[in-house]
């Protein structure tokens, strides 16, 4: 999950620009989101078809998951910050590509377990995630409501989830099914918040950063939906 950043103060939000320019910004954002999802899928296919996924999974599962999580959070933070703060398209694209690769690597152990323990779970989880994302996006677009009030909830939820994950790693307890259910709900709130920002608050030239935030929330939902399918494989 990418960290949430305050938007720059000196900018013109998409809500204040013309209808055609706003439509162009939204189209660019979702085209880049689609590109990120396709890139993530192709990257995973390359890792699994080349045989690299198994040693990566073994390394990550056999080492300190806390260190892996910390490295992923660090990459997420730098990627989000670079994409949001830079006006350079090259920097924004590099941040998005780096984040997609980081997500691809962190997902390898979970996808490997899903392939081994619950065949078909990946496809089912992907379908549920896409349906959830589509429904939440439709709500945001149809209501045109500003969901920026969710920012405080997302910040608190992020830190509480991180504390729970770190505590589980340190003390060796399982977070369980209900934690995954709660995190799916958290990801849904993040999708509403990010979609609202796309419609109301993002600067016109930050469509790559907007797609990065949306991709992070979609990936988060997919992660925990897939965990639910694996947990209920029997």
Protein backbone atom coordinates (compact mmCIF):
# COMPACT_ATOMS: atom_id res chain seq x y z
CA UNK A 1 0.00 0.00 0.00
CA UNK A 2 1.37 3.38 -0.96
CA UNK A 3 1.50 6.05 1.70
CA UNK A 4 -1.03 8.85 1.40
CA UNK A 5 0.52 12.30 0.83
CA UNK A 6 -0.96 15.76 1.09
CA UNK A 7 -1.31 17.32 -2.32
CA UNK A 8 0.84 20.36 -3.17
CA UNK A 9 -0.65 23.68 -2.09
CA UNK A 10 0.08 25.69 -5.24
CA UNK A 11 -1.80 23.83 -7.92
CA UNK A 12 -5.03 23.94 -9.86
CA UNK A 13 -7.22 20.92 -8.99
CA UNK A 14 -8.99 19.01 -11.75
CA UNK A 15 -12.35 20.12 -10.33
CA UNK A 16 -11.46 23.69 -11.37
CA UNK A 17 -10.54 22.96 -14.99
CA UNK A 18 -12.77 22.58 -18.03
CA UNK A 19 -14.93 19.54 -18.65
CA UNK A 20 -12.86 18.35 -21.62
CA UNK A 21 -9.56 18.74 -19.75
CA UNK A 22 -10.97 16.92 -16.74
CA UNK A 23 -12.24 14.07 -18.91
CA UNK A 24 -8.79 13.86 -20.51
CA UNK A 25 -7.14 13.72 -17.07
CA UNK A 26 -9.49 10.95 -15.89
CA UNK A 27 -8.94 8.95 -19.09
CA UNK A 28 -5.15 9.25 -18.73
CA UNK A 29 -5.31 8.20 -15.08
CA UNK A 30 -7.31 5.04 -15.75
CA UNK A 31 -5.32 4.17 -18.85
CA UNK A 32 -2.16 4.30 -16.74
CA UNK A 33 -3.88 2.24 -14.04
CA UNK A 34 -4.72 -0.38 -16.65
CA UNK A 35 -1.12 -0.25 -17.85
CA UNK A 36 0.14 -0.78 -14.29
CA UNK A 37 -2.15 -3.80 -13.82
CA UNK A 38 -1.07 -5.28 -17.15
CA UNK A 39 2.59 -4.62 -16.30
CA UNK A 40 2.18 -6.28 -12.90
CA UNK A 41 0.53 -9.32 -14.53
CA UNK A 42 3.25 -9.64 -17.16
CA UNK A 43 5.98 -9.28 -14.55
CA UNK A 44 4.47 -12.09 -12.46
CA UNK A 45 4.07 -14.26 -15.57
CA UNK A 46 7.75 -13.77 -16.40
CA UNK A 47 8.82 -14.63 -12.85
CA UNK A 48 6.72 -17.79 -12.70
CA UNK A 49 7.32 -19.00 -16.25
CA UNK A 50 11.08 -18.50 -15.94
CA UNK A 51 11.28 -20.41 -12.67
CA UNK A 52 12.47 -17.36 -10.72
CA UNK A 53 9.33 -17.24 -8.58
CA UNK A 54 10.19 -20.33 -6.55
CA UNK A 55 13.61 -19.16 -5.27
CA UNK A 56 12.21 -15.67 -4.65
CA UNK A 57 9.34 -17.15 -2.64
CA UNK A 58 11.71 -19.41 -0.72
CA UNK A 59 14.01 -16.50 0.08
CA UNK A 60 11.23 -14.19 1.24
CA UNK A 61 9.36 -16.86 3.19
CA UNK A 62 12.58 -18.17 4.74
CA UNK A 63 13.91 -14.80 5.83
CA UNK A 64 12.55 -12.04 8.00
CA UNK A 65 9.13 -11.03 6.70
CA UNK A 66 9.43 -7.88 8.82
CA UNK A 67 12.47 -6.79 6.81
CA UNK A 68 10.64 -7.52 3.56
CA UNK A 69 7.66 -5.50 4.73
CA UNK A 70 9.93 -2.65 5.82
CA UNK A 71 11.70 -2.59 2.47
CA UNK A 72 8.41 -2.62 0.63
CA UNK A 73 7.04 0.23 2.76
CA UNK A 74 10.19 2.24 2.07
CA UNK A 75 9.89 1.71 -1.71
CA UNK A 76 6.19 2.61 -1.52
CA UNK A 77 6.94 5.81 0.36
CA UNK A 78 9.64 6.95 -2.07
CA UNK A 79 7.53 6.03 -5.11
CA UNK A 80 4.47 7.92 -3.88
CA UNK A 81 6.50 10.93 -2.82
CA UNK A 82 8.40 11.09 -6.11
CA UNK A 83 5.24 10.74 -8.20
CA UNK A 84 3.34 13.37 -6.21
CA UNK A 85 6.08 15.97 -5.82
CA UNK A 86 7.71 15.85 -9.26
CA UNK A 87 6.47 17.73 -12.30
CA UNK A 88 8.78 15.63 -14.49
CA UNK A 89 6.86 12.93 -16.41
CA UNK A 90 10.01 10.78 -16.50
CA UNK A 91 10.27 10.81 -12.70
CA UNK A 92 6.59 10.01 -12.28
CA UNK A 93 6.84 7.09 -14.73
CA UNK A 94 9.96 5.80 -12.98
CA UNK A 95 8.12 5.93 -9.64
CA UNK A 96 5.14 4.04 -11.05
CA UNK A 97 7.35 1.40 -12.70
CA UNK A 98 9.40 0.97 -9.53
CA UNK A 99 6.28 0.55 -7.46
CA UNK A 100 4.83 -2.05 -9.85
CA UNK A 101 8.08 -4.04 -9.67
CA UNK A 102 8.13 -3.79 -5.85
CA UNK A 103 4.52 -5.00 -5.68
CA UNK A 104 5.38 -7.81 -8.10
CA UNK A 105 8.20 -9.08 -5.90
CA UNK A 106 6.28 -8.80 -2.62
CA UNK A 107 3.35 -10.71 -4.16
CA UNK A 108 5.48 -13.69 -5.27
CA UNK A 109 5.27 -15.69 -1.99
CA UNK A 110 1.49 -15.22 -1.72
CA UNK A 111 0.91 -16.16 -5.37
CA UNK A 112 3.23 -19.17 -5.00
CA UNK A 113 1.28 -20.38 -1.96
CA UNK A 114 -2.01 -19.81 -3.78
CA UNK A 115 -0.80 -21.87 -6.75
CA UNK A 116 0.30 -24.67 -4.45
CA UNK A 117 -2.46 -24.74 -1.85
CA UNK A 118 -5.52 -23.37 -3.63
CA UNK A 119 -5.48 -23.79 -7.43
CA UNK A 120 -7.87 -21.35 -9.07
CA UNK A 121 -7.81 -18.97 -6.11
CA UNK A 122 -5.77 -16.35 -7.99
CA UNK A 123 -8.31 -16.07 -10.81
CA UNK A 124 -11.24 -15.99 -8.37
CA UNK A 125 -9.58 -13.34 -6.18
CA UNK A 126 -8.73 -11.24 -9.23
CA UNK A 127 -12.36 -11.36 -10.39
CA UNK A 128 -13.70 -10.40 -6.94
CA UNK A 129 -11.18 -7.56 -6.73
CA UNK A 130 -12.10 -6.19 -10.16
CA UNK A 131 -15.81 -6.38 -9.32
CA UNK A 132 -15.22 -4.62 -6.02
CA UNK A 133 -13.08 -1.94 -7.62
CA UNK A 134 -15.62 -1.42 -10.41
CA UNK A 135 -18.51 -1.10 -7.96
CA UNK A 136 -16.70 1.38 -5.71
CA UNK A 137 -15.53 3.41 -8.71
CA UNK A 138 -19.11 3.55 -10.00
CA UNK A 139 -20.29 4.83 -6.59
CA UNK A 140 -17.66 7.58 -6.59
CA UNK A 141 -18.43 8.64 -10.17
CA UNK A 142 -22.21 8.52 -9.84
CA UNK A 143 -22.49 10.32 -6.50
CA UNK A 144 -19.68 12.81 -7.29
CA UNK A 145 -19.22 12.97 -3.53
CA UNK A 146 -15.95 14.20 -2.08
CA UNK A 147 -14.62 11.35 0.08
CA UNK A 148 -11.64 13.32 1.40
CA UNK A 149 -13.14 12.97 4.90
CA UNK A 150 -11.82 9.38 4.80
CA UNK A 151 -8.21 10.63 4.99
CA UNK A 152 -8.07 10.52 8.79
CA UNK A 153 -9.58 7.03 8.91
CA UNK A 154 -7.07 5.78 6.33
CA UNK A 155 -4.11 7.23 8.23
CA UNK A 156 -5.19 5.64 11.50
CA UNK A 157 -6.11 2.39 9.79
CA UNK A 158 -2.75 2.24 8.04
CA UNK A 159 -0.78 2.59 11.27
CA UNK A 160 -3.01 0.21 13.21
CA UNK A 161 -2.66 -2.40 10.46
CA UNK A 162 1.11 -1.92 10.37
CA UNK A 163 1.34 -2.30 14.16
CA UNK A 164 -0.77 -5.46 14.00
CA UNK A 165 1.40 -6.95 11.21
CA UNK A 166 4.67 -6.10 12.99
CA UNK A 167 3.33 -7.48 16.28
CA UNK A 168 2.31 -10.68 14.54
CA UNK A 169 5.80 -11.09 13.07
CA UNK A 170 7.57 -10.34 16.37
CA UNK A 171 5.34 -12.41 18.67
CA UNK A 172 4.49 -15.15 16.20
CA UNK A 173 0.70 -15.02 16.19
CA UNK A 174 -1.66 -15.25 13.23
CA UNK A 175 -3.87 -12.26 12.47
CA UNK A 176 -6.64 -14.48 11.15
CA UNK A 177 -9.55 -14.23 8.76
CA UNK A 178 -11.21 -11.24 10.37
CA UNK A 179 -8.09 -9.14 9.91
CA UNK A 180 -8.16 -9.95 6.18
CA UNK A 181 -11.85 -9.02 6.04
CA UNK A 182 -11.11 -5.72 7.80
CA UNK A 183 -8.26 -5.01 5.39
CA UNK A 184 -10.51 -5.65 2.38
CA UNK A 185 -12.85 -3.02 3.84
CA UNK A 186 -9.89 -0.70 4.41
CA UNK A 187 -8.81 -1.15 0.78
CA UNK A 188 -12.37 -0.36 -0.34
CA UNK A 189 -12.28 2.90 1.63
CA UNK A 190 -8.89 3.70 0.05
CA UNK A 191 -10.36 3.14 -3.44
CA UNK A 192 -13.22 5.55 -2.68
CA UNK A 193 -10.78 8.11 -1.31
CA UNK A 194 -8.37 7.82 -4.24
CA UNK A 195 -11.16 7.93 -6.83
CA UNK A 196 -12.57 11.03 -5.14
CA UNK A 197 -9.14 12.65 -5.32
CA UNK A 198 -8.96 11.82 -9.02
CA UNK A 199 -12.31 13.55 -9.56
CA UNK A 200 -11.78 16.55 -7.31
CA UNK A 201 -8.30 17.27 -6.01
CA UNK A 202 -5.39 16.01 -8.11
CA UNK A 203 -3.39 18.51 -10.18
CA UNK A 204 -3.93 18.13 -13.91
CA UNK A 205 -0.35 16.99 -14.54
CA UNK A 206 -0.32 14.25 -11.85
CA UNK A 207 -2.29 11.56 -13.66
CA UNK A 208 0.63 9.13 -13.29
CA UNK A 209 0.69 9.73 -9.53
CA UNK A 210 -3.09 9.29 -9.43
CA UNK A 211 -2.80 5.94 -11.19
CA UNK A 212 -0.10 4.87 -8.72
CA UNK A 213 -2.38 5.58 -5.75
CA UNK A 214 -5.27 3.69 -7.36
CA UNK A 215 -3.03 0.76 -8.25
CA UNK A 216 -1.76 0.57 -4.66
CA UNK A 217 -5.32 0.34 -3.33
CA UNK A 218 -6.36 -2.26 -5.91
CA UNK A 219 -3.27 -4.35 -5.09
CA UNK A 220 -4.04 -4.09 -1.38
CA UNK A 221 -7.58 -5.37 -1.92
CA UNK A 222 -6.32 -8.20 -4.15
CA UNK A 223 -3.75 -9.22 -1.52
CA UNK A 224 -6.33 -9.71 1.23
CA UNK A 225 -9.06 -11.15 -0.99
CA UNK A 226 -6.53 -13.76 -2.14
CA UNK A 227 -5.62 -14.49 1.49
CA UNK A 228 -9.29 -15.13 2.21
CA UNK A 229 -9.54 -17.59 -0.70
CA UNK A 230 -6.41 -19.41 0.49
CA UNK A 231 -7.66 -19.56 4.10
CA UNK A 232 -10.96 -21.07 2.95
CA UNK A 233 -9.47 -23.51 0.43
CA UNK A 234 -11.02 -26.47 2.23
